[in-house]
Amino acid sequence: MQPVVPFRINDDWTVLTRTIFRFVSLPQADPVLGVSPAGLPAVLGFDQKNQAGLSDVSPTAFLVPNLGSDWTVGLGASIVFPTGDGTVDSGKVSAGPAFLAFYHRGPWIVGARMRNIWSFAGDPERDDVNTLVVRGLLRYQLNRSWYLISSPIITSDWTQPEGKGWIVPVGGGLGYSFRLGGQPMQVSLEGYYNAVKPQFAGEELLGDWTIRTQWQVLFPN
């Protein structure tokens, strides 16, 4: 859930806030240890379970000047609070700068939103956080209702050695704008091939494909 709320200061400046609430379902499998028929210690199976709940909450605020109808540019800051029970969140309080820039002309919207956060508090036994997140946007409005969209989420975990912490997806999808009871909404379905994936000990830690569906409820001024 990602509410985006603008607060107009005056004719020249707006504060744009965006808060991410992550609800995570994380499958886990703990080994069940025992003795083999030969009398040797062995893994007899796995105890499979699922952890679910609210993960990190991440508010971001941008100071956005009025540059006219073609450009939206903002500079701000982002902070991350761990709110889960330790299994579905980072366990760290993190913060860092954030930036956005979008160009809109005719049927096109092109731009990106990015941030880099560093951990400075939290559970000392959890891994430190130093993460870059870049979410690009390329959108083309086909007609009044349908649009093409590519909005890959590119991330880099700078704590990983030799650039092994990158995730670079490539792809896009289709969106549809409509009204339900007079309320404007948008839905979209996108598919991305993970061209670059993080690695640990030579093993890739992510599947080849990511599927994203999104539902937006719009409250235009």
N, C-alpha and C. Protein backbone atom coordinates (compact mmCIF):
# COMPACT_ATOMS: atom_id res chain seq x y z
N MET A 1 0.86 -1.18 0.00
CA MET A 1 0.00 0.00 0.00
C MET A 1 0.90 1.23 0.00
N GLN A 2 0.64 2.16 -0.97
CA GLN A 2 1.56 3.28 -1.16
C GLN A 2 0.76 4.58 -1.36
N PRO A 3 0.21 5.16 -0.29
CA PRO A 3 -0.50 6.43 -0.46
C PRO A 3 0.45 7.57 -0.83
N VAL A 4 0.06 8.36 -1.83
CA VAL A 4 0.81 9.53 -2.27
C VAL A 4 -0.07 10.76 -2.02
N VAL A 5 0.40 11.69 -1.18
CA VAL A 5 -0.41 12.83 -0.77
C VAL A 5 0.40 14.11 -0.95
N PRO A 6 -0.11 15.07 -1.77
CA PRO A 6 0.57 16.37 -1.91
C PRO A 6 0.01 17.38 -0.91
N PHE A 7 0.90 18.25 -0.41
CA PHE A 7 0.50 19.36 0.45
C PHE A 7 1.01 20.65 -0.20
N ARG A 8 0.08 21.46 -0.67
CA ARG A 8 0.47 22.70 -1.34
C ARG A 8 0.83 23.76 -0.32
N ILE A 9 2.06 24.29 -0.42
CA ILE A 9 2.51 25.34 0.48
C ILE A 9 2.06 26.70 -0.03
N ASN A 10 2.34 26.97 -1.29
CA ASN A 10 1.89 28.21 -1.96
C ASN A 10 1.88 27.95 -3.46
N ASP A 11 1.79 29.00 -4.25
CA ASP A 11 1.74 28.82 -5.71
C ASP A 11 3.04 28.29 -6.29
N ASP A 12 4.13 28.40 -5.54
CA ASP A 12 5.45 28.02 -6.07
C ASP A 12 5.96 26.68 -5.56
N TRP A 13 5.46 26.21 -4.41
CA TRP A 13 6.03 25.02 -3.79
C TRP A 13 4.95 24.07 -3.28
N THR A 14 5.27 22.75 -3.40
CA THR A 14 4.41 21.69 -2.88
C THR A 14 5.29 20.66 -2.19
N VAL A 15 4.81 20.13 -1.08
CA VAL A 15 5.46 18.99 -0.44
C VAL A 15 4.68 17.73 -0.83
N LEU A 16 5.39 16.80 -1.45
CA LEU A 16 4.78 15.56 -1.92
C LEU A 16 5.25 14.41 -1.03
N THR A 17 4.32 13.73 -0.39
CA THR A 17 4.68 12.62 0.50
C THR A 17 4.24 11.30 -0.12
N ARG A 18 5.05 10.29 0.12
CA ARG A 18 4.74 8.93 -0.36
C ARG A 18 5.21 7.95 0.72
N THR A 19 4.29 7.15 1.24
CA THR A 19 4.61 6.21 2.31
C THR A 19 4.31 4.79 1.84
N ILE A 20 5.27 3.90 2.00
CA ILE A 20 5.12 2.51 1.57
C ILE A 20 4.88 1.64 2.80
N PHE A 21 3.76 0.93 2.79
CA PHE A 21 3.47 -0.08 3.81
C PHE A 21 3.61 -1.45 3.15
N ARG A 22 4.57 -2.25 3.59
CA ARG A 22 4.84 -3.54 2.97
C ARG A 22 4.22 -4.66 3.81
N PHE A 23 3.38 -5.45 3.18
CA PHE A 23 2.83 -6.64 3.81
C PHE A 23 3.50 -7.84 3.13
N VAL A 24 4.25 -8.62 3.90
CA VAL A 24 5.14 -9.63 3.36
C VAL A 24 4.68 -11.02 3.79
N SER A 25 4.72 -11.95 2.84
CA SER A 25 4.54 -13.37 3.15
C SER A 25 5.82 -14.08 2.76
N LEU A 26 6.50 -14.67 3.76
CA LEU A 26 7.84 -15.22 3.55
C LEU A 26 7.87 -16.70 3.88
N PRO A 27 8.02 -17.57 2.87
CA PRO A 27 8.12 -19.01 3.15
C PRO A 27 9.49 -19.35 3.73
N GLN A 28 9.50 -20.28 4.69
CA GLN A 28 10.74 -20.74 5.31
C GLN A 28 10.71 -22.25 5.47
N ALA A 29 11.89 -22.85 5.52
CA ALA A 29 12.01 -24.29 5.71
C ALA A 29 13.20 -24.55 6.63
N ASP A 30 12.92 -25.02 7.85
CA ASP A 30 13.98 -25.35 8.80
C ASP A 30 14.29 -26.84 8.72
N PRO A 31 15.57 -27.23 8.70
CA PRO A 31 15.91 -28.65 8.61
C PRO A 31 15.53 -29.41 9.88
N VAL A 32 15.05 -30.62 9.68
CA VAL A 32 14.74 -31.51 10.79
C VAL A 32 15.89 -32.51 10.91
N LEU A 33 16.62 -32.45 12.01
CA LEU A 33 17.81 -33.28 12.20
C LEU A 33 17.44 -34.57 12.93
N GLY A 34 18.17 -35.62 12.59
CA GLY A 34 17.93 -36.91 13.24
C GLY A 34 19.05 -37.89 12.92
N VAL A 35 18.72 -39.15 13.01
CA VAL A 35 19.69 -40.22 12.78
C VAL A 35 19.21 -41.06 11.61
N SER A 36 20.11 -41.31 10.67
CA SER A 36 19.79 -42.12 9.50
C SER A 36 19.69 -43.58 9.88
N PRO A 37 19.14 -44.43 8.98
CA PRO A 37 19.09 -45.87 9.26
C PRO A 37 20.46 -46.48 9.54
N ALA A 38 21.51 -45.84 9.03
CA ALA A 38 22.87 -46.33 9.29
C ALA A 38 23.42 -45.84 10.63
N GLY A 39 22.61 -45.07 11.37
CA GLY A 39 23.04 -44.58 12.67
C GLY A 39 23.87 -43.33 12.63
N LEU A 40 23.83 -42.60 11.50
CA LEU A 40 24.62 -41.38 11.36
C LEU A 40 23.72 -40.16 11.43
N PRO A 41 24.24 -39.02 11.92
CA PRO A 41 23.45 -37.79 11.92
C PRO A 41 23.07 -37.41 10.49
N ALA A 42 21.82 -36.99 10.32
CA ALA A 42 21.35 -36.68 8.97
C ALA A 42 20.19 -35.70 9.04
N VAL A 43 19.93 -35.05 7.90
CA VAL A 43 18.74 -34.19 7.75
C VAL A 43 17.60 -35.08 7.27
N LEU A 44 16.58 -35.25 8.10
CA LEU A 44 15.49 -36.16 7.78
C LEU A 44 14.38 -35.50 6.96
N GLY A 45 14.39 -34.20 6.91
CA GLY A 45 13.36 -33.48 6.17
C GLY A 45 13.42 -32.01 6.51
N PHE A 46 12.33 -31.30 6.17
CA PHE A 46 12.27 -29.87 6.43
C PHE A 46 10.91 -29.52 7.03
N ASP A 47 10.96 -28.67 8.06
CA ASP A 47 9.76 -28.14 8.68
C ASP A 47 9.37 -26.85 7.96
N GLN A 48 8.39 -26.94 7.07
CA GLN A 48 8.01 -25.80 6.24
C GLN A 48 6.93 -24.98 6.94
N LYS A 49 7.12 -23.67 6.92
CA LYS A 49 6.15 -22.77 7.50
C LYS A 49 6.19 -21.44 6.75
N ASN A 50 5.25 -20.58 7.09
CA ASN A 50 5.14 -19.31 6.40
C ASN A 50 5.01 -18.18 7.43
N GLN A 51 5.86 -17.15 7.28
CA GLN A 51 5.79 -15.97 8.13
C GLN A 51 5.15 -14.84 7.33
N ALA A 52 4.16 -14.18 7.91
CA ALA A 52 3.47 -13.11 7.20
C ALA A 52 3.19 -11.96 8.17
N GLY A 53 3.18 -10.74 7.63
CA GLY A 53 2.86 -9.59 8.45
C GLY A 53 3.36 -8.30 7.84
N LEU A 54 3.19 -7.22 8.58
CA LEU A 54 3.64 -5.90 8.14
C LEU A 54 5.15 -5.82 8.27
N SER A 55 5.82 -5.44 7.19
CA SER A 55 7.27 -5.33 7.18
C SER A 55 7.66 -3.87 7.43
N ASP A 56 8.76 -3.42 6.82
CA ASP A 56 9.22 -2.04 7.00
C ASP A 56 8.19 -1.04 6.49
N VAL A 57 8.05 0.07 7.21
CA VAL A 57 7.24 1.21 6.77
C VAL A 57 8.20 2.33 6.37
N SER A 58 7.97 2.88 5.17
CA SER A 58 8.96 3.80 4.61
C SER A 58 8.30 5.07 4.08
N PRO A 59 8.26 6.16 4.88
CA PRO A 59 7.77 7.44 4.37
C PRO A 59 8.88 8.23 3.68
N THR A 60 8.50 8.94 2.60
CA THR A 60 9.41 9.81 1.86
C THR A 60 8.70 11.13 1.60
N ALA A 61 9.41 12.24 1.72
CA ALA A 61 8.85 13.56 1.45
C ALA A 61 9.75 14.28 0.46
N PHE A 62 9.12 14.89 -0.56
CA PHE A 62 9.84 15.65 -1.59
C PHE A 62 9.37 17.11 -1.55
N LEU A 63 10.29 18.03 -1.69
CA LEU A 63 9.96 19.43 -1.89
C LEU A 63 9.97 19.68 -3.40
N VAL A 64 8.80 20.05 -3.94
CA VAL A 64 8.60 20.12 -5.39
C VAL A 64 8.29 21.56 -5.79
N PRO A 65 9.14 22.20 -6.61
CA PRO A 65 8.82 23.54 -7.10
C PRO A 65 7.85 23.48 -8.28
N ASN A 66 7.11 24.55 -8.50
CA ASN A 66 6.20 24.64 -9.63
C ASN A 66 6.99 25.04 -10.87
N LEU A 67 7.25 24.06 -11.75
CA LEU A 67 8.02 24.31 -12.98
C LEU A 67 7.15 24.29 -14.21
N GLY A 68 5.84 24.37 -14.04
CA GLY A 68 4.95 24.32 -15.18
C GLY A 68 4.38 22.93 -15.38
N SER A 69 3.67 22.75 -16.48
CA SER A 69 2.94 21.50 -16.71
C SER A 69 3.82 20.38 -17.24
N ASP A 70 5.01 20.69 -17.75
CA ASP A 70 5.83 19.65 -18.39
C ASP A 70 6.73 18.89 -17.43
N TRP A 71 7.16 19.56 -16.35
CA TRP A 71 8.17 18.95 -15.48
C TRP A 71 7.67 18.85 -14.04
N THR A 72 8.03 17.73 -13.40
CA THR A 72 7.88 17.56 -11.96
C THR A 72 9.22 17.11 -11.41
N VAL A 73 9.84 17.93 -10.58
CA VAL A 73 11.15 17.64 -10.01
C VAL A 73 11.08 17.85 -8.51
N GLY A 74 11.66 16.94 -7.74
CA GLY A 74 11.62 17.07 -6.30
C GLY A 74 12.84 16.50 -5.62
N LEU A 75 13.21 17.10 -4.50
CA LEU A 75 14.34 16.64 -3.70
C LEU A 75 13.86 16.49 -2.27
N GLY A 76 14.25 15.39 -1.63
CA GLY A 76 13.77 15.18 -0.27
C GLY A 76 14.56 14.13 0.47
N ALA A 77 13.87 13.45 1.39
CA ALA A 77 14.51 12.46 2.24
C ALA A 77 13.55 11.30 2.48
N SER A 78 14.13 10.14 2.78
CA SER A 78 13.36 8.93 3.03
C SER A 78 13.87 8.28 4.31
N ILE A 79 12.96 7.65 5.05
CA ILE A 79 13.34 6.93 6.26
C ILE A 79 12.59 5.61 6.30
N VAL A 80 13.19 4.60 6.90
CA VAL A 80 12.61 3.26 6.97
C VAL A 80 12.55 2.84 8.43
N PHE A 81 11.34 2.41 8.86
CA PHE A 81 11.15 1.91 10.22
C PHE A 81 10.79 0.42 10.16
N PRO A 82 11.53 -0.44 10.86
CA PRO A 82 11.13 -1.85 10.93
C PRO A 82 9.96 -2.01 11.90
N THR A 83 8.87 -2.61 11.43
CA THR A 83 7.68 -2.75 12.27
C THR A 83 7.23 -4.20 12.41
N GLY A 84 7.93 -5.12 11.78
CA GLY A 84 7.55 -6.52 11.86
C GLY A 84 8.10 -7.19 13.12
N ASP A 85 8.03 -8.52 13.13
CA ASP A 85 8.48 -9.27 14.30
C ASP A 85 9.90 -9.78 14.17
N GLY A 86 10.64 -9.25 13.17
CA GLY A 86 12.04 -9.64 12.99
C GLY A 86 12.28 -10.62 11.88
N THR A 87 11.23 -11.29 11.39
CA THR A 87 11.42 -12.25 10.30
C THR A 87 11.05 -11.67 8.95
N VAL A 88 10.17 -10.66 8.92
CA VAL A 88 9.72 -10.12 7.65
C VAL A 88 10.16 -8.67 7.45
N ASP A 89 11.02 -8.14 8.32
CA ASP A 89 11.51 -6.79 8.13
C ASP A 89 13.04 -6.77 8.19
N SER A 90 13.61 -5.59 7.99
CA SER A 90 15.07 -5.45 7.96
C SER A 90 15.69 -5.41 9.35
N GLY A 91 14.88 -5.06 10.37
CA GLY A 91 15.42 -4.93 11.72
C GLY A 91 16.24 -3.68 11.95
N LYS A 92 16.30 -2.80 10.96
CA LYS A 92 17.14 -1.60 11.04
C LYS A 92 16.32 -0.35 10.74
N VAL A 93 16.69 0.75 11.42
CA VAL A 93 16.18 2.07 11.07
C VAL A 93 17.17 2.68 10.08
N SER A 94 16.67 3.08 8.92
CA SER A 94 17.54 3.58 7.85
C SER A 94 17.01 4.90 7.32
N ALA A 95 17.88 5.70 6.72
CA ALA A 95 17.47 6.99 6.16
C ALA A 95 18.45 7.38 5.06
N GLY A 96 18.00 8.32 4.21
CA GLY A 96 18.87 8.81 3.15
C GLY A 96 18.15 9.77 2.23
N PRO A 97 18.86 10.33 1.25
CA PRO A 97 18.27 11.31 0.33
C PRO A 97 17.39 10.64 -0.71
N ALA A 98 16.46 11.43 -1.25
CA ALA A 98 15.57 10.94 -2.31
C ALA A 98 15.41 12.03 -3.36
N PHE A 99 15.15 11.60 -4.61
CA PHE A 99 15.05 12.53 -5.74
C PHE A 99 14.05 11.99 -6.73
N LEU A 100 13.30 12.87 -7.37
CA LEU A 100 12.40 12.46 -8.45
C LEU A 100 12.44 13.49 -9.57
N ALA A 101 12.22 13.02 -10.79
CA ALA A 101 12.15 13.90 -11.96
C ALA A 101 11.29 13.21 -13.02
N PHE A 102 10.24 13.91 -13.48
CA PHE A 102 9.34 13.37 -14.50
C PHE A 102 9.05 14.45 -15.54
N TYR A 103 9.04 14.01 -16.80
CA TYR A 103 8.68 14.89 -17.92
C TYR A 103 7.40 14.37 -18.54
N HIS A 104 6.38 15.22 -18.66
CA HIS A 104 5.12 14.79 -19.24
C HIS A 104 4.75 15.73 -20.37
N ARG A 105 4.55 15.16 -21.53
CA ARG A 105 4.17 15.93 -22.72
C ARG A 105 3.29 15.05 -23.60
N GLY A 106 2.06 15.51 -23.87
CA GLY A 106 1.14 14.73 -24.70
C GLY A 106 0.84 13.39 -24.06
N PRO A 107 0.97 12.30 -24.83
CA PRO A 107 0.67 10.98 -24.27
C PRO A 107 1.82 10.38 -23.47
N TRP A 108 2.97 11.06 -23.39
CA TRP A 108 4.16 10.48 -22.78
C TRP A 108 4.38 10.98 -21.35
N ILE A 109 4.84 10.08 -20.50
CA ILE A 109 5.42 10.42 -19.20
C ILE A 109 6.72 9.64 -19.07
N VAL A 110 7.83 10.34 -18.82
CA VAL A 110 9.15 9.72 -18.72
C VAL A 110 9.84 10.27 -17.48
N GLY A 111 10.42 9.40 -16.70
CA GLY A 111 11.14 9.89 -15.53
C GLY A 111 11.56 8.77 -14.59
N ALA A 112 11.93 9.16 -13.38
CA ALA A 112 12.39 8.18 -12.40
C ALA A 112 12.28 8.77 -11.00
N ARG A 113 12.18 7.87 -10.04
CA ARG A 113 12.22 8.23 -8.62
C ARG A 113 13.29 7.36 -7.98
N MET A 114 14.15 7.95 -7.14
CA MET A 114 15.27 7.18 -6.59
C MET A 114 15.58 7.62 -5.16
N ARG A 115 16.24 6.71 -4.44
CA ARG A 115 16.70 7.01 -3.09
C ARG A 115 17.85 6.08 -2.75
N ASN A 116 18.67 6.49 -1.79
CA ASN A 116 19.68 5.60 -1.21
C ASN A 116 19.58 5.74 0.31
N ILE A 117 19.47 4.60 1.00
CA ILE A 117 19.31 4.62 2.44
C ILE A 117 20.43 3.85 3.11
N TRP A 118 20.82 4.34 4.31
CA TRP A 118 21.83 3.70 5.14
C TRP A 118 21.22 3.45 6.52
N SER A 119 21.51 2.32 7.12
CA SER A 119 21.03 2.04 8.47
C SER A 119 21.88 2.77 9.50
N PHE A 120 21.24 3.25 10.58
CA PHE A 120 21.98 3.94 11.65
C PHE A 120 21.50 3.50 13.03
N ALA A 121 20.49 2.64 13.11
CA ALA A 121 20.00 2.17 14.40
C ALA A 121 19.25 0.86 14.16
N GLY A 122 18.85 0.24 15.26
CA GLY A 122 18.10 -1.01 15.15
C GLY A 122 18.82 -2.17 15.78
N ASP A 123 18.42 -3.37 15.38
CA ASP A 123 18.97 -4.60 15.95
C ASP A 123 20.45 -4.73 15.56
N PRO A 124 21.36 -4.73 16.53
CA PRO A 124 22.79 -4.82 16.19
C PRO A 124 23.19 -6.16 15.58
N GLU A 125 22.34 -7.18 15.75
CA GLU A 125 22.66 -8.49 15.20
C GLU A 125 22.19 -8.66 13.76
N ARG A 126 21.42 -7.70 13.26
CA ARG A 126 20.96 -7.77 11.87
C ARG A 126 21.96 -7.09 10.95
N ASP A 127 21.94 -7.48 9.67
CA ASP A 127 22.87 -6.92 8.69
C ASP A 127 22.62 -5.43 8.49
N ASP A 128 23.73 -4.69 8.27
CA ASP A 128 23.62 -3.27 7.95
C ASP A 128 22.94 -3.09 6.59
N VAL A 129 22.32 -1.92 6.43
CA VAL A 129 21.60 -1.60 5.20
C VAL A 129 22.31 -0.47 4.48
N ASN A 130 22.58 -0.65 3.20
CA ASN A 130 23.07 0.40 2.30
C ASN A 130 22.53 0.07 0.93
N THR A 131 21.36 0.63 0.60
CA THR A 131 20.61 0.18 -0.57
C THR A 131 20.19 1.35 -1.44
N LEU A 132 20.40 1.19 -2.74
CA LEU A 132 19.91 2.13 -3.75
C LEU A 132 18.66 1.53 -4.40
N VAL A 133 17.61 2.36 -4.54
CA VAL A 133 16.38 1.94 -5.23
C VAL A 133 16.06 2.99 -6.27
N VAL A 134 15.94 2.57 -7.52
CA VAL A 134 15.57 3.46 -8.63
C VAL A 134 14.34 2.86 -9.31
N ARG A 135 13.26 3.62 -9.35
CA ARG A 135 12.05 3.16 -10.06
C ARG A 135 11.82 4.07 -11.25
N GLY A 136 12.13 3.58 -12.43
CA GLY A 136 11.91 4.34 -13.65
C GLY A 136 10.45 4.29 -14.08
N LEU A 137 10.09 5.17 -14.99
CA LEU A 137 8.73 5.19 -15.53
C LEU A 137 8.76 5.63 -16.98
N LEU A 138 8.19 4.79 -17.83
CA LEU A 138 7.95 5.14 -19.23
C LEU A 138 6.50 4.75 -19.51
N ARG A 139 5.67 5.76 -19.76
CA ARG A 139 4.23 5.52 -19.94
C ARG A 139 3.75 6.21 -21.21
N TYR A 140 2.96 5.49 -21.99
CA TYR A 140 2.39 6.05 -23.22
C TYR A 140 0.89 5.80 -23.21
N GLN A 141 0.11 6.88 -23.28
CA GLN A 141 -1.36 6.78 -23.25
C GLN A 141 -1.87 6.46 -24.66
N LEU A 142 -2.44 5.25 -24.82
CA LEU A 142 -2.94 4.83 -26.13
C LEU A 142 -4.23 5.53 -26.51
N ASN A 143 -5.15 5.65 -25.55
CA ASN A 143 -6.40 6.35 -25.74
C ASN A 143 -6.88 6.81 -24.37
N ARG A 144 -8.16 7.11 -24.25
CA ARG A 144 -8.66 7.65 -22.98
C ARG A 144 -8.52 6.65 -21.84
N SER A 145 -8.57 5.36 -22.14
CA SER A 145 -8.60 4.34 -21.08
C SER A 145 -7.31 3.53 -20.98
N TRP A 146 -6.72 3.15 -22.11
CA TRP A 146 -5.61 2.19 -22.10
C TRP A 146 -4.27 2.90 -22.21
N TYR A 147 -3.26 2.32 -21.56
CA TYR A 147 -1.91 2.86 -21.65
C TYR A 147 -0.88 1.74 -21.53
N LEU A 148 0.27 1.98 -22.16
CA LEU A 148 1.43 1.10 -22.03
C LEU A 148 2.32 1.64 -20.93
N ILE A 149 2.95 0.75 -20.16
CA ILE A 149 3.75 1.21 -19.04
C ILE A 149 4.95 0.29 -18.83
N SER A 150 6.09 0.89 -18.53
CA SER A 150 7.27 0.16 -18.08
C SER A 150 7.81 0.90 -16.86
N SER A 151 7.81 0.22 -15.71
CA SER A 151 8.21 0.85 -14.47
C SER A 151 9.08 -0.10 -13.66
N PRO A 152 10.28 -0.42 -14.16
CA PRO A 152 11.15 -1.38 -13.46
C PRO A 152 11.68 -0.81 -12.16
N ILE A 153 11.81 -1.67 -11.16
CA ILE A 153 12.40 -1.28 -9.87
C ILE A 153 13.82 -1.85 -9.83
N ILE A 154 14.80 -0.97 -10.00
CA ILE A 154 16.21 -1.36 -10.02
C ILE A 154 16.80 -1.12 -8.64
N THR A 155 17.45 -2.12 -8.08
CA THR A 155 18.02 -1.98 -6.74
C THR A 155 19.47 -2.45 -6.73
N SER A 156 20.22 -1.90 -5.78
CA SER A 156 21.58 -2.35 -5.56
C SER A 156 21.85 -2.40 -4.06
N ASP A 157 22.27 -3.56 -3.58
CA ASP A 157 22.70 -3.72 -2.20
C ASP A 157 24.20 -3.49 -2.16
N TRP A 158 24.61 -2.28 -1.71
CA TRP A 158 26.03 -1.91 -1.75
C TRP A 158 26.87 -2.69 -0.75
N THR A 159 26.22 -3.41 0.17
CA THR A 159 27.00 -4.21 1.14
C THR A 159 27.53 -5.49 0.51
N GLN A 160 27.03 -5.86 -0.67
CA GLN A 160 27.52 -7.06 -1.34
C GLN A 160 28.80 -6.75 -2.11
N PRO A 161 29.77 -7.66 -2.13
CA PRO A 161 31.04 -7.39 -2.80
C PRO A 161 30.93 -7.49 -4.31
N GLU A 162 31.80 -6.76 -5.01
CA GLU A 162 32.01 -6.88 -6.45
C GLU A 162 30.72 -6.72 -7.25
N GLY A 163 29.85 -5.84 -6.80
CA GLY A 163 28.64 -5.55 -7.54
C GLY A 163 27.67 -6.70 -7.66
N LYS A 164 27.70 -7.65 -6.72
CA LYS A 164 26.83 -8.82 -6.79
C LYS A 164 25.44 -8.56 -6.21
N GLY A 165 25.16 -7.32 -5.79
CA GLY A 165 23.86 -7.03 -5.17
C GLY A 165 22.85 -6.36 -6.06
N TRP A 166 23.09 -6.31 -7.37
CA TRP A 166 22.18 -5.62 -8.29
C TRP A 166 20.99 -6.48 -8.68
N ILE A 167 19.82 -5.84 -8.82
CA ILE A 167 18.65 -6.42 -9.48
C ILE A 167 18.23 -5.45 -10.57
N VAL A 168 18.26 -5.91 -11.83
CA VAL A 168 17.90 -5.06 -12.97
C VAL A 168 16.84 -5.78 -13.80
N PRO A 169 15.57 -5.45 -13.62
CA PRO A 169 14.51 -6.06 -14.43
C PRO A 169 14.27 -5.29 -15.73
N VAL A 170 13.81 -6.03 -16.75
CA VAL A 170 13.52 -5.44 -18.06
C VAL A 170 12.14 -5.93 -18.49
N GLY A 171 11.25 -4.99 -18.86
CA GLY A 171 9.92 -5.41 -19.30
C GLY A 171 8.92 -4.28 -19.20
N GLY A 172 7.65 -4.65 -19.05
CA GLY A 172 6.58 -3.66 -18.98
C GLY A 172 5.24 -4.33 -19.04
N GLY A 173 4.20 -3.54 -19.32
CA GLY A 173 2.86 -4.13 -19.34
C GLY A 173 1.82 -3.15 -19.85
N LEU A 174 0.58 -3.41 -19.45
CA LEU A 174 -0.58 -2.68 -19.96
C LEU A 174 -1.43 -2.22 -18.79
N GLY A 175 -1.97 -0.99 -18.89
CA GLY A 175 -2.82 -0.45 -17.85
C GLY A 175 -4.14 0.03 -18.39
N TYR A 176 -5.13 0.17 -17.50
CA TYR A 176 -6.49 0.57 -17.89
C TYR A 176 -7.04 1.55 -16.86
N SER A 177 -7.56 2.69 -17.32
CA SER A 177 -8.17 3.70 -16.45
C SER A 177 -9.69 3.61 -16.56
N PHE A 178 -10.37 3.73 -15.41
CA PHE A 178 -11.83 3.61 -15.41
C PHE A 178 -12.38 4.32 -14.18
N ARG A 179 -13.70 4.35 -14.08
CA ARG A 179 -14.38 4.90 -12.92
C ARG A 179 -15.30 3.85 -12.33
N LEU A 180 -15.31 3.80 -11.00
CA LEU A 180 -16.18 2.89 -10.28
C LEU A 180 -16.98 3.71 -9.28
N GLY A 181 -18.28 3.86 -9.54
CA GLY A 181 -19.10 4.73 -8.70
C GLY A 181 -18.65 6.17 -8.74
N GLY A 182 -18.13 6.62 -9.86
CA GLY A 182 -17.64 7.99 -10.00
C GLY A 182 -16.22 8.19 -9.53
N GLN A 183 -15.60 7.16 -8.91
CA GLN A 183 -14.23 7.28 -8.40
C GLN A 183 -13.23 6.85 -9.46
N PRO A 184 -12.32 7.74 -9.91
CA PRO A 184 -11.33 7.33 -10.91
C PRO A 184 -10.33 6.34 -10.34
N MET A 185 -9.99 5.32 -11.14
CA MET A 185 -9.07 4.28 -10.73
C MET A 185 -8.22 3.85 -11.92
N GLN A 186 -7.14 3.14 -11.62
CA GLN A 186 -6.29 2.53 -12.64
C GLN A 186 -5.86 1.16 -12.17
N VAL A 187 -5.79 0.23 -13.12
CA VAL A 187 -5.22 -1.09 -12.84
C VAL A 187 -4.19 -1.39 -13.92
N SER A 188 -3.17 -2.14 -13.55
CA SER A 188 -2.12 -2.49 -14.52
C SER A 188 -1.58 -3.86 -14.21
N LEU A 189 -1.04 -4.50 -15.24
CA LEU A 189 -0.38 -5.79 -15.12
C LEU A 189 0.92 -5.72 -15.90
N GLU A 190 2.04 -6.03 -15.22
CA GLU A 190 3.36 -5.91 -15.83
C GLU A 190 4.17 -7.17 -15.58
N GLY A 191 5.05 -7.49 -16.53
CA GLY A 191 5.96 -8.61 -16.39
C GLY A 191 7.39 -8.17 -16.68
N TYR A 192 8.35 -8.62 -15.85
CA TYR A 192 9.73 -8.20 -15.99
C TYR A 192 10.67 -9.41 -15.93
N TYR A 193 11.60 -9.43 -16.87
CA TYR A 193 12.67 -10.43 -16.84
C TYR A 193 13.83 -9.86 -16.04
N ASN A 194 14.27 -10.59 -15.03
CA ASN A 194 15.36 -10.13 -14.17
C ASN A 194 16.70 -10.40 -14.87
N ALA A 195 17.13 -9.41 -15.66
CA ALA A 195 18.34 -9.58 -16.46
C ALA A 195 19.58 -9.68 -15.59
N VAL A 196 19.61 -8.97 -14.47
CA VAL A 196 20.71 -9.04 -13.51
C VAL A 196 20.11 -9.38 -12.16
N LYS A 197 20.70 -10.37 -11.47
CA LYS A 197 20.16 -10.84 -10.19
C LYS A 197 21.27 -10.91 -9.16
N PRO A 198 20.93 -10.75 -7.87
CA PRO A 198 21.96 -10.84 -6.83
C PRO A 198 22.50 -12.26 -6.72
N GLN A 199 23.74 -12.36 -6.27
CA GLN A 199 24.39 -13.66 -6.13
C GLN A 199 25.01 -13.79 -4.74
N PHE A 200 25.04 -15.02 -4.26
CA PHE A 200 25.71 -15.33 -3.00
C PHE A 200 26.39 -16.68 -3.15
N ALA A 201 27.71 -16.69 -2.96
CA ALA A 201 28.50 -17.91 -3.11
C ALA A 201 28.29 -18.55 -4.48
N GLY A 202 28.16 -17.69 -5.50
CA GLY A 202 28.00 -18.20 -6.86
C GLY A 202 26.59 -18.60 -7.22
N GLU A 203 25.64 -18.49 -6.29
CA GLU A 203 24.25 -18.88 -6.55
C GLU A 203 23.39 -17.64 -6.72
N GLU A 204 22.50 -17.64 -7.73
CA GLU A 204 21.57 -16.54 -7.92
C GLU A 204 20.44 -16.65 -6.91
N LEU A 205 20.03 -15.50 -6.34
CA LEU A 205 19.07 -15.48 -5.24
C LEU A 205 17.68 -15.03 -5.67
N LEU A 206 17.40 -15.01 -6.96
CA LEU A 206 16.11 -14.54 -7.44
C LEU A 206 15.74 -15.31 -8.69
N GLY A 207 14.42 -15.49 -8.91
CA GLY A 207 13.95 -16.17 -10.11
C GLY A 207 14.14 -15.31 -11.35
N ASP A 208 13.82 -15.88 -12.50
CA ASP A 208 14.03 -15.17 -13.76
C ASP A 208 12.98 -14.10 -14.01
N TRP A 209 11.77 -14.26 -13.48
CA TRP A 209 10.67 -13.37 -13.82
C TRP A 209 10.01 -12.79 -12.57
N THR A 210 9.54 -11.57 -12.70
CA THR A 210 8.73 -10.90 -11.68
C THR A 210 7.44 -10.43 -12.33
N ILE A 211 6.30 -10.75 -11.71
CA ILE A 211 5.00 -10.30 -12.18
C ILE A 211 4.46 -9.30 -11.17
N ARG A 212 4.02 -8.15 -11.65
CA ARG A 212 3.49 -7.10 -10.77
C ARG A 212 2.11 -6.67 -11.23
N THR A 213 1.16 -6.65 -10.32
CA THR A 213 -0.15 -6.09 -10.59
C THR A 213 -0.39 -4.93 -9.63
N GLN A 214 -1.04 -3.90 -10.11
CA GLN A 214 -1.19 -2.69 -9.30
C GLN A 214 -2.59 -2.10 -9.49
N TRP A 215 -3.17 -1.64 -8.39
CA TRP A 215 -4.48 -0.99 -8.40
C TRP A 215 -4.32 0.37 -7.75
N GLN A 216 -4.68 1.43 -8.46
CA GLN A 216 -4.54 2.79 -7.95
C GLN A 216 -5.91 3.45 -7.85
N VAL A 217 -6.17 4.06 -6.71
CA VAL A 217 -7.36 4.88 -6.50
C VAL A 217 -6.91 6.34 -6.53
N LEU A 218 -7.48 7.12 -7.44
CA LEU A 218 -7.02 8.49 -7.70
C LEU A 218 -7.96 9.50 -7.08
N PHE A 219 -7.36 10.55 -6.48
CA PHE A 219 -8.13 11.66 -5.91
C PHE A 219 -7.60 12.96 -6.52
N PRO A 220 -7.98 13.27 -7.77
CA PRO A 220 -7.44 14.48 -8.42
C PRO A 220 -7.93 15.74 -7.73
N ASN A 221 -7.05 16.78 -7.79
CA ASN A 221 -7.41 18.06 -7.20
C ASN A 221 -8.51 18.73 -8.00
